[in-house]
Every structure is written in C-alpha cells, then in structure tokens.
PDB file of N, CA and C in Angstrom:
ATOM      1  N   MET A   1     -34.028 -35.712  -7.432  1.00  0.00           N
ATOM      2  CA  MET A   1     -33.050 -34.780  -7.845  1.00  0.00           C
ATOM      3  C   MET A   1     -32.981 -33.533  -6.807  1.00  0.00           C
ATOM      4  N   LEU A   2     -34.125 -33.237  -6.119  1.00  0.00           N
ATOM      5  CA  LEU A   2     -33.972 -32.211  -5.118  1.00  0.00           C
ATOM      6  C   LEU A   2     -32.986 -32.703  -3.872  1.00  0.00           C
ATOM      7  N   ALA A   3     -33.150 -34.005  -3.553  1.00  0.00           N
ATOM      8  CA  ALA A   3     -32.174 -34.502  -2.424  1.00  0.00           C
ATOM      9  C   ALA A   3     -30.645 -34.334  -3.025  1.00  0.00           C
ATOM     10  N   GLN A   4     -30.527 -34.659  -4.327  1.00  0.00           N
ATOM     11  CA  GLN A   4     -29.144 -34.619  -4.738  1.00  0.00           C
ATOM     12  C   GLN A   4     -28.676 -33.126  -4.729  1.00  0.00           C
ATOM     13  N   ASN A   5     -29.502 -32.174  -5.153  1.00  0.00           N
ATOM     14  CA  ASN A   5     -29.105 -30.810  -5.126  1.00  0.00           C
ATOM     15  C   ASN A   5     -28.889 -30.359  -3.743  1.00  0.00           C
ATOM     16  N   THR A   6     -29.583 -30.741  -2.763  1.00  0.00           N
ATOM     17  CA  THR A   6     -29.393 -30.353  -1.405  1.00  0.00           C
ATOM     18  C   THR A   6     -28.094 -30.938  -0.981  1.00  0.00           C
ATOM     19  N   LYS A   7     -27.821 -32.252  -1.187  1.00  0.00           N
ATOM     20  CA  LYS A   7     -26.521 -32.853  -0.825  1.00  0.00           C
ATOM     21  C   LYS A   7     -25.291 -31.985  -1.532  1.00  0.00           C
ATOM     22  N   MET A   8     -25.465 -31.567  -2.678  1.00  0.00           N
ATOM     23  CA  MET A   8     -24.380 -30.934  -3.350  1.00  0.00           C
ATOM     24  C   MET A   8     -24.179 -29.466  -2.718  1.00  0.00           C
ATOM     25  N   ASN A   9     -25.226 -28.897  -2.466  1.00  0.00           N
ATOM     26  CA  ASN A   9     -25.129 -27.540  -1.573  1.00  0.00           C
ATOM     27  C   ASN A   9     -24.541 -27.728  -0.480  1.00  0.00           C
ATOM     28  N   THR A  10     -24.825 -28.810   0.348  1.00  0.00           N
ATOM     29  CA  THR A  10     -24.187 -29.116   1.585  1.00  0.00           C
ATOM     30  C   THR A  10     -22.610 -29.295   1.529  1.00  0.00           C
ATOM     31  N   GLN A  11     -22.322 -30.058   0.408  1.00  0.00           N
ATOM     32  CA  GLN A  11     -20.830 -30.255   0.240  1.00  0.00           C
ATOM     33  C   GLN A  11     -20.164 -29.067  -0.236  1.00  0.00           C
ATOM     34  N   TYR A  12     -20.797 -28.227  -0.990  1.00  0.00           N
ATOM     35  CA  TYR A  12     -20.220 -26.892  -1.375  1.00  0.00           C
ATOM     36  C   TYR A  12     -20.038 -25.942  -0.255  1.00  0.00           C
ATOM     37  N   THR A  13     -21.094 -25.973   0.680  1.00  0.00           N
ATOM     38  CA  THR A  13     -20.788 -25.158   1.948  1.00  0.00           C
ATOM     39  C   THR A  13     -19.626 -25.607   2.843  1.00  0.00           C
ATOM     40  N   GLN A  14     -19.550 -27.014   2.911  1.00  0.00           N
ATOM     41  CA  GLN A  14     -18.351 -27.524   3.631  1.00  0.00           C
ATOM     42  C   GLN A  14     -17.102 -27.256   2.998  1.00  0.00           C
ATOM     43  N   MET A  15     -17.161 -27.415   1.689  1.00  0.00           N
ATOM     44  CA  MET A  15     -15.798 -27.014   1.003  1.00  0.00           C
ATOM     45  C   MET A  15     -15.511 -25.535   1.195  1.00  0.00           C
ATOM     46  N   SER A  16     -16.325 -24.699   1.136  1.00  0.00           N
ATOM     47  CA  SER A  16     -16.084 -23.163   1.209  1.00  0.00           C
ATOM     48  C   SER A  16     -15.702 -22.956   2.756  1.00  0.00           C
ATOM     49  N   LYS A  17     -16.174 -23.580   3.602  1.00  0.00           N
ATOM     50  CA  LYS A  17     -15.684 -23.427   5.102  1.00  0.00           C
ATOM     51  C   LYS A  17     -14.322 -23.786   5.075  1.00  0.00           C
ATOM     52  N   GLN A  18     -13.847 -25.046   4.480  1.00  0.00           N
ATOM     53  CA  GLN A  18     -12.544 -25.615   4.601  1.00  0.00           C
ATOM     54  C   GLN A  18     -11.594 -24.605   3.976  1.00  0.00           C
ATOM     55  N   TYR A  19     -12.069 -24.046   2.785  1.00  0.00           N
ATOM     56  CA  TYR A  19     -11.221 -22.936   2.059  1.00  0.00           C
ATOM     57  C   TYR A  19     -10.901 -21.918   2.724  1.00  0.00           C
ATOM     58  N   ALA A  20     -11.993 -21.343   3.422  1.00  0.00           N
ATOM     59  CA  ALA A  20     -11.758 -20.200   4.433  1.00  0.00           C
ATOM     60  C   ALA A  20     -10.747 -20.521   5.547  1.00  0.00           C
ATOM     61  N   PHE A  21     -10.840 -21.702   6.139  1.00  0.00           N
ATOM     62  CA  PHE A  21     -10.011 -22.178   7.119  1.00  0.00           C
ATOM     63  C   PHE A  21      -8.514 -22.225   6.792  1.00  0.00           C
ATOM     64  N   LEU A  22      -8.405 -22.861   5.559  1.00  0.00           N
ATOM     65  CA  LEU A  22      -7.006 -23.086   5.016  1.00  0.00           C
ATOM     66  C   LEU A  22      -6.368 -21.659   4.553  1.00  0.00           C
ATOM     67  N   LEU A  23      -7.169 -20.700   3.992  1.00  0.00           N
ATOM     68  CA  LEU A  23      -6.782 -19.580   3.806  1.00  0.00           C
ATOM     69  C   LEU A  23      -6.195 -18.740   5.101  1.00  0.00           C
ATOM     70  N   ALA A  24      -7.032 -18.807   6.152  1.00  0.00           N
ATOM     71  CA  ALA A  24      -6.620 -18.243   7.289  1.00  0.00           C
ATOM     72  C   ALA A  24      -5.277 -18.897   7.878  1.00  0.00           C
ATOM     73  N   GLU A  25      -5.231 -20.117   7.801  1.00  0.00           N
ATOM     74  CA  GLU A  25      -4.017 -20.877   8.303  1.00  0.00           C
ATOM     75  C   GLU A  25      -2.852 -20.309   7.476  1.00  0.00           C
ATOM     76  N   SER A  26      -2.972 -20.347   6.202  1.00  0.00           N
ATOM     77  CA  SER A  26      -1.922 -19.987   5.219  1.00  0.00           C
ATOM     78  C   SER A  26      -1.291 -18.651   5.410  1.00  0.00           C
ATOM     79  N   THR A  27      -2.316 -17.758   5.857  1.00  0.00           N
ATOM     80  CA  THR A  27      -2.004 -16.334   6.230  1.00  0.00           C
ATOM     81  C   THR A  27      -1.186 -16.314   7.597  1.00  0.00           C
ATOM     82  N   GLU A  28      -1.807 -17.028   8.483  1.00  0.00           N
ATOM     83  CA  GLU A  28      -0.985 -17.084   9.780  1.00  0.00           C
ATOM     84  C   GLU A  28       0.335 -17.623   9.712  1.00  0.00           C
ATOM     85  N   MET A  29       0.603 -18.602   8.677  1.00  0.00           N
ATOM     86  CA  MET A  29       1.814 -19.249   8.605  1.00  0.00           C
ATOM     87  C   MET A  29       2.850 -18.345   7.977  1.00  0.00           C
ATOM     88  N   GLY A  30       2.329 -17.445   6.935  1.00  0.00           N
ATOM     89  CA  GLY A  30       3.167 -16.391   6.399  1.00  0.00           C
ATOM     90  C   GLY A  30       3.554 -15.452   7.362  1.00  0.00           C
ATOM     91  N   LYS A  31       2.669 -15.019   8.239  1.00  0.00           N
ATOM     92  CA  LYS A  31       3.146 -14.058   9.334  1.00  0.00           C
ATOM     93  C   LYS A  31       4.196 -14.708  10.207  1.00  0.00           C
ATOM     94  N   GLN A  32       3.975 -15.935  10.558  1.00  0.00           N
ATOM     95  CA  GLN A  32       4.953 -16.649  11.530  1.00  0.00           C
ATOM     96  C   GLN A  32       6.323 -16.811  10.791  1.00  0.00           C
ATOM     97  N   SER A  33       6.204 -17.109   9.513  1.00  0.00           N
ATOM     98  CA  SER A  33       7.571 -17.194   8.716  1.00  0.00           C
ATOM     99  C   SER A  33       8.320 -15.911   8.718  1.00  0.00           C
ATOM    100  N   SER A  34       7.549 -14.906   8.474  1.00  0.00           N
ATOM    101  CA  SER A  34       8.195 -13.498   8.308  1.00  0.00           C
ATOM    102  C   SER A  34       8.857 -13.298   9.736  1.00  0.00           C
ATOM    103  N   ILE A  35       8.157 -13.495  10.795  1.00  0.00           N
ATOM    104  CA  ILE A  35       8.648 -13.396  12.144  1.00  0.00           C
ATOM    105  C   ILE A  35       9.958 -14.113  12.393  1.00  0.00           C
ATOM    106  N   LEU A  36       9.905 -15.443  11.982  1.00  0.00           N
ATOM    107  CA  LEU A  36      11.103 -16.259  12.039  1.00  0.00           C
ATOM    108  C   LEU A  36      12.198 -15.740  11.191  1.00  0.00           C
ATOM    109  N   SER A  37      11.931 -15.364  10.120  1.00  0.00           N
ATOM    110  CA  SER A  37      13.144 -14.840   9.171  1.00  0.00           C
ATOM    111  C   SER A  37      13.723 -13.720   9.906  1.00  0.00           C
ATOM    112  N   LYS A  38      13.078 -12.738  10.512  1.00  0.00           N
ATOM    113  CA  LYS A  38      13.456 -11.625  11.213  1.00  0.00           C
ATOM    114  C   LYS A  38      14.363 -12.053  12.360  1.00  0.00           C
ATOM    115  N   GLN A  39      13.840 -12.984  13.133  1.00  0.00           N
ATOM    116  CA  GLN A  39      14.721 -13.395  14.235  1.00  0.00           C
ATOM    117  C   GLN A  39      15.868 -14.101  13.794  1.00  0.00           C
ATOM    118  N   TYR A  40      15.929 -14.901  12.852  1.00  0.00           N
ATOM    119  CA  TYR A  40      17.066 -15.548  12.189  1.00  0.00           C
ATOM    120  C   TYR A  40      18.022 -14.441  11.897  1.00  0.00           C
ATOM    121  N   ALA A  41      17.617 -13.483  11.138  1.00  0.00           N
ATOM    122  CA  ALA A  41      18.559 -12.425  10.675  1.00  0.00           C
ATOM    123  C   ALA A  41      19.195 -11.721  12.055  1.00  0.00           C
ATOM    124  N   PHE A  42      18.376 -11.448  12.912  1.00  0.00           N
ATOM    125  CA  PHE A  42      18.873 -10.713  14.094  1.00  0.00           C
ATOM    126  C   PHE A  42      20.029 -11.610  14.850  1.00  0.00           C
ATOM    127  N   LEU A  43      19.646 -12.972  15.003  1.00  0.00           N
ATOM    128  CA  LEU A  43      20.645 -13.973  15.761  1.00  0.00           C
ATOM    129  C   LEU A  43      21.803 -14.135  14.858  1.00  0.00           C
ATOM    130  N   LEU A  44      21.782 -14.087  13.517  1.00  0.00           N
ATOM    131  CA  LEU A  44      22.862 -14.307  12.695  1.00  0.00           C
ATOM    132  C   LEU A  44      23.895 -12.959  12.926  1.00  0.00           C
ATOM    133  N   THR A  45      23.221 -11.854  13.045  1.00  0.00           N
ATOM    134  CA  THR A  45      24.067 -10.723  13.098  1.00  0.00           C
ATOM    135  C   THR A  45      24.770 -10.648  14.576  1.00  0.00           C
ATOM    136  N   LYS A  46      23.841 -11.124  15.642  1.00  0.00           N
ATOM    137  CA  LYS A  46      24.648 -11.143  16.891  1.00  0.00           C
ATOM    138  C   LYS A  46      25.741 -12.278  16.938  1.00  0.00           C
ATOM    139  N   SER A  47      25.417 -13.397  16.239  1.00  0.00           N
ATOM    140  CA  SER A  47      26.556 -14.382  16.272  1.00  0.00           C
ATOM    141  C   SER A  47      27.703 -13.764  15.621  1.00  0.00           C
ATOM    142  N   THR A  48      27.623 -13.181  14.566  1.00  0.00           N
ATOM    143  CA  THR A  48      28.841 -12.521  13.795  1.00  0.00           C
ATOM    144  C   THR A  48      29.513 -11.545  14.704  1.00  0.00           C
ATOM    145  N   GLU A  49      28.714 -10.706  15.363  1.00  0.00           N
ATOM    146  CA  GLU A  49      29.330  -9.654  16.279  1.00  0.00           C
ATOM    147  C   GLU A  49      30.045 -10.373  17.327  1.00  0.00           C
ATOM    148  N   MET A  50      29.451 -11.545  17.892  1.00  0.00           N
ATOM    149  CA  MET A  50      30.226 -12.191  18.987  1.00  0.00           C
ATOM    150  C   MET A  50      31.542 -12.747  18.460  1.00  0.00           C
ATOM    151  N   GLY A  51      31.469 -13.317  17.264  1.00  0.00           N
ATOM    152  CA  GLY A  51      32.679 -13.930  16.725  1.00  0.00           C
ATOM    153  C   GLY A  51      33.739 -12.993  16.486  1.00  0.00           C
ATOM    154  N   LYS A  52      33.424 -11.772  16.137  1.00  0.00           N
ATOM    155  CA  LYS A  52      34.287 -10.700  15.903  1.00  0.00           C
ATOM    156  C   LYS A  52      34.811 -10.287  17.297  1.00  0.00           C
ATOM    157  N   GLN A  53      34.130 -10.161  18.176  1.00  0.00           N
ATOM    158  CA  GLN A  53      34.534  -9.796  19.588  1.00  0.00           C
ATOM    159  C   GLN A  53      35.435 -10.955  20.248  1.00  0.00           C
ATOM    160  N   SER A  54      35.095 -12.038  20.060  1.00  0.00           N
ATOM    161  CA  SER A  54      35.903 -13.273  20.446  1.00  0.00           C
ATOM    162  C   SER A  54      37.390 -13.288  19.879  1.00  0.00           C
ATOM    163  N   SER A  55      37.333 -12.867  18.479  1.00  0.00           N
ATOM    164  CA  SER A  55      38.670 -12.893  17.843  1.00  0.00           C
ATOM    165  C   SER A  55      39.483 -11.709  18.265  1.00  0.00           C
ATOM    166  N   ILE A  56      38.865 -10.535  18.561  1.00  0.00           N
ATOM    167  CA  ILE A  56      39.577  -9.457  19.149  1.00  0.00           C
ATOM    168  C   ILE A  56      40.187  -9.830  20.580  1.00  0.00           C
ATOM    169  N   LEU A  57      39.251 -10.414  21.431  1.00  0.00           N
ATOM    170  CA  LEU A  57      39.837 -10.760  22.734  1.00  0.00           C
ATOM    171  C   LEU A  57      40.801 -11.838  22.590  1.00  0.00           C
ATOM    172  N   LYS A  58      40.963 -12.763  21.688  1.00  0.00           N
ATOM    173  CA  LYS A  58      41.936 -13.691  21.613  1.00  0.00           C
ATOM    174  C   LYS A  58      43.054 -13.230  21.027  1.00  0.00           C
ATOM    175  N   SER A  59      43.205 -12.115  20.210  1.00  0.00           N
ATOM    176  CA  SER A  59      44.491 -11.706  19.650  1.00  0.00           C
ATOM    177  C   SER A  59      45.015 -10.639  20.681  1.00  0.00           C
ATOM    178  N   GLY A  60      44.132 -10.257  21.498  1.00  0.00           N
ATOM    179  CA  GLY A  60      44.711  -9.316  22.701  1.00  0.00           C
ATOM    180  C   GLY A  60      45.375 -10.034  23.865  1.00  0.00           C
ATOM    181  N   ILE A  61      45.236 -11.386  23.729  1.00  0.00           N
ATOM    182  CA  ILE A  61      45.986 -12.045  24.805  1.00  0.00           C
ATOM    183  C   ILE A  61      47.361 -12.356  24.460  1.00  0.00           C
TER     184      ILE A  61
END
C-alpha cells in the first residue's frame, strides 16, 4: 500500500508540473496572439492607405 501511495504521489507531482508548463505555454500563446492581432490591424490599415493613394495616383494620370 505504501508503494502504491508513493507511485500515486509521483504521478500527481508529474501532472502538476505538466499543468504548470501548459499554463505557461497557454499564457505565452495568448501574448503572441495579441501581438499578431495588433500587427494584422496595423498592416490592414497600411494596405488600405496604400490602396487609397494608388487610386488617387491613377485618377491623376
């Protein structure tokens, strides 16, 4: 019974470490996602501005 209890404690410790690792990974992915969303919004704005400028240049020709 003591051996089984020790084995269960070892498994619990491993699962706790895995949970902490996955939580850290999830947090990092959330940060990266936020950064990518901001970059996408910036690039979309720039693309729209370039489209407007291109249209203005074409109409001036």
